[in-house]
Amino acid sequence: MRCNLKDRERWDRLHEIKVKALTIGAQHDEMDPQDMKKMASLMADSSLAFCLKGSHMSMWADQQAYFKHLLDFLHAV
């Protein structure tokens, strides 16, 4: 069975995430940058990393920015 997430939303449950979290978005991603900011703001201890040259697969498209954000987050945890 294939799961389609197109019509599923979980904005109302993001506040339940209590651990330190990193959301990573990109300029050319499918999600609107304002929604990325909103998502990070709804989690108690979250931050947003943004890859200006990236897309949905920033770990390949914008490796330098992606891994800098990821490593900074991991070192801070």
N, C-alpha and C. Protein backbone atom coordinates (compact mmCIF):
# COMPACT_ATOMS: atom_id res chain seq x y z
N MET A 1 0.84 -1.18 0.00
CA MET A 1 0.00 0.00 0.00
C MET A 1 0.89 1.24 0.00
N ARG A 2 0.58 2.16 -0.85
CA ARG A 2 1.35 3.38 -0.98
C ARG A 2 0.71 4.49 -0.15
N CYS A 3 1.51 5.24 0.56
CA CYS A 3 1.01 6.32 1.39
C CYS A 3 1.18 7.65 0.68
N ASN A 4 0.11 8.37 0.46
CA ASN A 4 0.16 9.67 -0.17
C ASN A 4 0.01 10.74 0.91
N LEU A 5 1.01 11.58 1.06
CA LEU A 5 1.00 12.61 2.09
C LEU A 5 0.49 13.96 1.59
N LYS A 6 0.06 14.01 0.35
CA LYS A 6 -0.35 15.25 -0.28
C LYS A 6 -1.37 16.04 0.54
N ASP A 7 -2.37 15.36 1.08
CA ASP A 7 -3.44 16.05 1.79
C ASP A 7 -3.33 15.95 3.31
N ARG A 8 -2.19 15.52 3.80
CA ARG A 8 -2.00 15.40 5.25
C ARG A 8 -1.25 16.61 5.78
N GLU A 9 -1.70 17.13 6.88
CA GLU A 9 -1.04 18.26 7.52
C GLU A 9 -0.84 17.94 8.99
N ARG A 10 0.25 18.42 9.53
CA ARG A 10 0.54 18.19 10.94
C ARG A 10 0.98 19.47 11.64
N TRP A 11 0.62 20.62 11.09
CA TRP A 11 1.00 21.89 11.70
C TRP A 11 0.54 21.96 13.15
N ASP A 12 -0.64 21.44 13.42
CA ASP A 12 -1.23 21.53 14.75
C ASP A 12 -0.53 20.64 15.79
N ARG A 13 0.39 19.79 15.35
CA ARG A 13 1.07 18.90 16.28
C ARG A 13 2.56 19.21 16.44
N LEU A 14 3.06 20.19 15.70
CA LEU A 14 4.48 20.50 15.78
C LEU A 14 4.91 20.94 17.17
N HIS A 15 4.03 21.58 17.92
CA HIS A 15 4.36 22.02 19.28
C HIS A 15 4.67 20.83 20.20
N GLU A 16 4.28 19.64 19.82
CA GLU A 16 4.54 18.45 20.63
C GLU A 16 6.00 17.99 20.55
N ILE A 17 6.73 18.49 19.59
CA ILE A 17 8.15 18.12 19.45
C ILE A 17 8.94 18.93 20.46
N LYS A 18 9.51 18.25 21.43
CA LYS A 18 10.18 18.92 22.56
C LYS A 18 11.71 18.83 22.49
N VAL A 19 12.24 18.08 21.56
CA VAL A 19 13.70 17.95 21.44
C VAL A 19 14.23 19.04 20.53
N LYS A 20 15.51 19.31 20.65
CA LYS A 20 16.17 20.28 19.77
C LYS A 20 16.05 19.76 18.34
N ALA A 21 15.61 20.61 17.44
CA ALA A 21 15.37 20.18 16.06
C ALA A 21 15.94 21.19 15.07
N LEU A 22 16.32 20.69 13.92
CA LEU A 22 16.81 21.53 12.83
C LEU A 22 15.94 21.27 11.62
N THR A 23 15.36 22.31 11.08
CA THR A 23 14.66 22.19 9.81
C THR A 23 15.58 22.79 8.75
N ILE A 24 15.70 22.09 7.65
CA ILE A 24 16.58 22.55 6.56
C ILE A 24 15.72 22.77 5.33
N GLY A 25 15.77 23.96 4.81
CA GLY A 25 15.03 24.30 3.61
C GLY A 25 15.96 24.90 2.58
N ALA A 26 15.40 25.18 1.42
CA ALA A 26 16.23 25.71 0.34
C ALA A 26 15.41 26.64 -0.55
N GLN A 27 16.12 27.51 -1.22
CA GLN A 27 15.52 28.50 -2.11
C GLN A 27 14.63 27.86 -3.16
N HIS A 28 15.05 26.74 -3.70
CA HIS A 28 14.33 26.11 -4.81
C HIS A 28 13.61 24.83 -4.36
N ASP A 29 13.27 24.77 -3.09
CA ASP A 29 12.56 23.62 -2.54
C ASP A 29 11.08 23.74 -2.86
N GLU A 30 10.34 22.66 -2.63
CA GLU A 30 8.91 22.68 -2.90
C GLU A 30 8.15 23.48 -1.85
N MET A 31 8.64 23.52 -0.63
CA MET A 31 7.95 24.24 0.44
C MET A 31 8.31 25.72 0.41
N ASP A 32 7.31 26.55 0.59
CA ASP A 32 7.50 28.00 0.62
C ASP A 32 8.42 28.37 1.79
N PRO A 33 9.40 29.25 1.59
CA PRO A 33 10.30 29.65 2.68
C PRO A 33 9.56 30.20 3.91
N GLN A 34 8.44 30.87 3.73
CA GLN A 34 7.67 31.36 4.88
C GLN A 34 7.08 30.20 5.68
N ASP A 35 6.69 29.15 5.00
CA ASP A 35 6.20 27.96 5.71
C ASP A 35 7.33 27.27 6.46
N MET A 36 8.53 27.30 5.90
CA MET A 36 9.68 26.73 6.60
C MET A 36 9.94 27.48 7.90
N LYS A 37 9.88 28.80 7.84
CA LYS A 37 10.06 29.61 9.05
C LYS A 37 8.96 29.32 10.07
N LYS A 38 7.73 29.21 9.58
CA LYS A 38 6.61 28.91 10.46
C LYS A 38 6.82 27.56 11.14
N MET A 39 7.24 26.56 10.38
CA MET A 39 7.46 25.23 10.94
C MET A 39 8.48 25.28 12.07
N ALA A 40 9.58 25.95 11.84
CA ALA A 40 10.63 26.05 12.86
C ALA A 40 10.11 26.80 14.09
N SER A 41 9.29 27.81 13.88
CA SER A 41 8.80 28.60 15.01
C SER A 41 7.78 27.85 15.86
N LEU A 42 7.13 26.85 15.31
CA LEU A 42 6.11 26.10 16.04
C LEU A 42 6.69 25.01 16.94
N MET A 43 7.96 24.70 16.75
CA MET A 43 8.62 23.72 17.62
C MET A 43 9.40 24.49 18.68
N ALA A 44 9.33 24.01 19.91
CA ALA A 44 9.88 24.74 21.06
C ALA A 44 11.37 25.05 20.93
N ASP A 45 12.16 24.13 20.46
CA ASP A 45 13.61 24.31 20.43
C ASP A 45 14.14 23.99 19.03
N SER A 46 13.65 24.73 18.05
CA SER A 46 13.99 24.46 16.67
C SER A 46 14.65 25.66 16.01
N SER A 47 15.44 25.40 15.02
CA SER A 47 16.02 26.46 14.21
C SER A 47 15.89 26.08 12.74
N LEU A 48 15.98 27.08 11.90
CA LEU A 48 15.86 26.88 10.46
C LEU A 48 17.21 27.13 9.80
N ALA A 49 17.63 26.20 8.99
CA ALA A 49 18.80 26.38 8.14
C ALA A 49 18.29 26.54 6.72
N PHE A 50 18.85 27.50 6.00
CA PHE A 50 18.35 27.80 4.65
C PHE A 50 19.50 27.75 3.66
N CYS A 51 19.35 26.96 2.63
CA CYS A 51 20.37 26.81 1.59
C CYS A 51 19.95 27.63 0.37
N LEU A 52 20.67 28.71 0.13
CA LEU A 52 20.28 29.63 -0.95
C LEU A 52 20.39 29.03 -2.34
N LYS A 53 21.31 28.11 -2.54
CA LYS A 53 21.50 27.53 -3.87
C LYS A 53 20.87 26.15 -3.99
N GLY A 54 20.19 25.71 -2.95
CA GLY A 54 19.69 24.34 -2.91
C GLY A 54 18.28 24.17 -3.43
N SER A 55 17.89 22.91 -3.44
CA SER A 55 16.54 22.51 -3.80
C SER A 55 16.11 21.46 -2.78
N HIS A 56 15.19 20.60 -3.13
CA HIS A 56 14.72 19.57 -2.20
C HIS A 56 15.84 18.63 -1.78
N MET A 57 16.84 18.50 -2.60
CA MET A 57 17.99 17.63 -2.30
C MET A 57 19.25 18.47 -2.10
N SER A 58 19.20 19.39 -1.16
CA SER A 58 20.32 20.31 -0.92
C SER A 58 21.59 19.61 -0.50
N MET A 59 21.47 18.42 0.05
CA MET A 59 22.68 17.70 0.42
C MET A 59 23.55 17.39 -0.80
N TRP A 60 22.95 17.48 -1.98
CA TRP A 60 23.72 17.35 -3.21
C TRP A 60 23.84 18.68 -3.94
N ALA A 61 22.74 19.43 -4.02
CA ALA A 61 22.70 20.65 -4.82
C ALA A 61 23.46 21.82 -4.18
N ASP A 62 23.51 21.86 -2.86
CA ASP A 62 24.18 22.96 -2.16
C ASP A 62 24.94 22.38 -0.96
N GLN A 63 25.84 21.47 -1.24
CA GLN A 63 26.53 20.71 -0.21
C GLN A 63 27.24 21.58 0.82
N GLN A 64 27.91 22.60 0.39
CA GLN A 64 28.68 23.43 1.32
C GLN A 64 27.77 24.05 2.39
N ALA A 65 26.68 24.66 1.98
CA ALA A 65 25.76 25.28 2.94
C ALA A 65 25.05 24.22 3.78
N TYR A 66 24.57 23.19 3.15
CA TYR A 66 23.83 22.14 3.86
C TYR A 66 24.65 21.54 4.99
N PHE A 67 25.86 21.11 4.67
CA PHE A 67 26.66 20.44 5.70
C PHE A 67 27.22 21.41 6.74
N LYS A 68 27.40 22.66 6.37
CA LYS A 68 27.80 23.64 7.39
C LYS A 68 26.69 23.79 8.42
N HIS A 69 25.45 23.96 7.95
CA HIS A 69 24.31 24.07 8.86
C HIS A 69 24.17 22.81 9.72
N LEU A 70 24.27 21.66 9.08
CA LEU A 70 24.09 20.40 9.80
C LEU A 70 25.18 20.21 10.86
N LEU A 71 26.42 20.45 10.50
CA LEU A 71 27.53 20.29 11.45
C LEU A 71 27.45 21.30 12.59
N ASP A 72 27.09 22.55 12.28
CA ASP A 72 26.90 23.54 13.34
C ASP A 72 25.83 23.10 14.33
N PHE A 73 24.74 22.57 13.81
CA PHE A 73 23.66 22.07 14.67
C PHE A 73 24.14 20.90 15.53
N LEU A 74 24.81 19.94 14.93
CA LEU A 74 25.28 18.77 15.68
C LEU A 74 26.29 19.14 16.74
N HIS A 75 27.15 20.09 16.47
CA HIS A 75 28.13 20.52 17.47
C HIS A 75 27.46 21.25 18.63
N ALA A 76 26.33 21.88 18.36
CA ALA A 76 25.63 22.64 19.40
C ALA A 76 24.75 21.76 20.29
N VAL A 77 24.45 20.58 19.81
CA VAL A 77 23.55 19.70 20.57
C VAL A 77 24.26 19.08 21.74
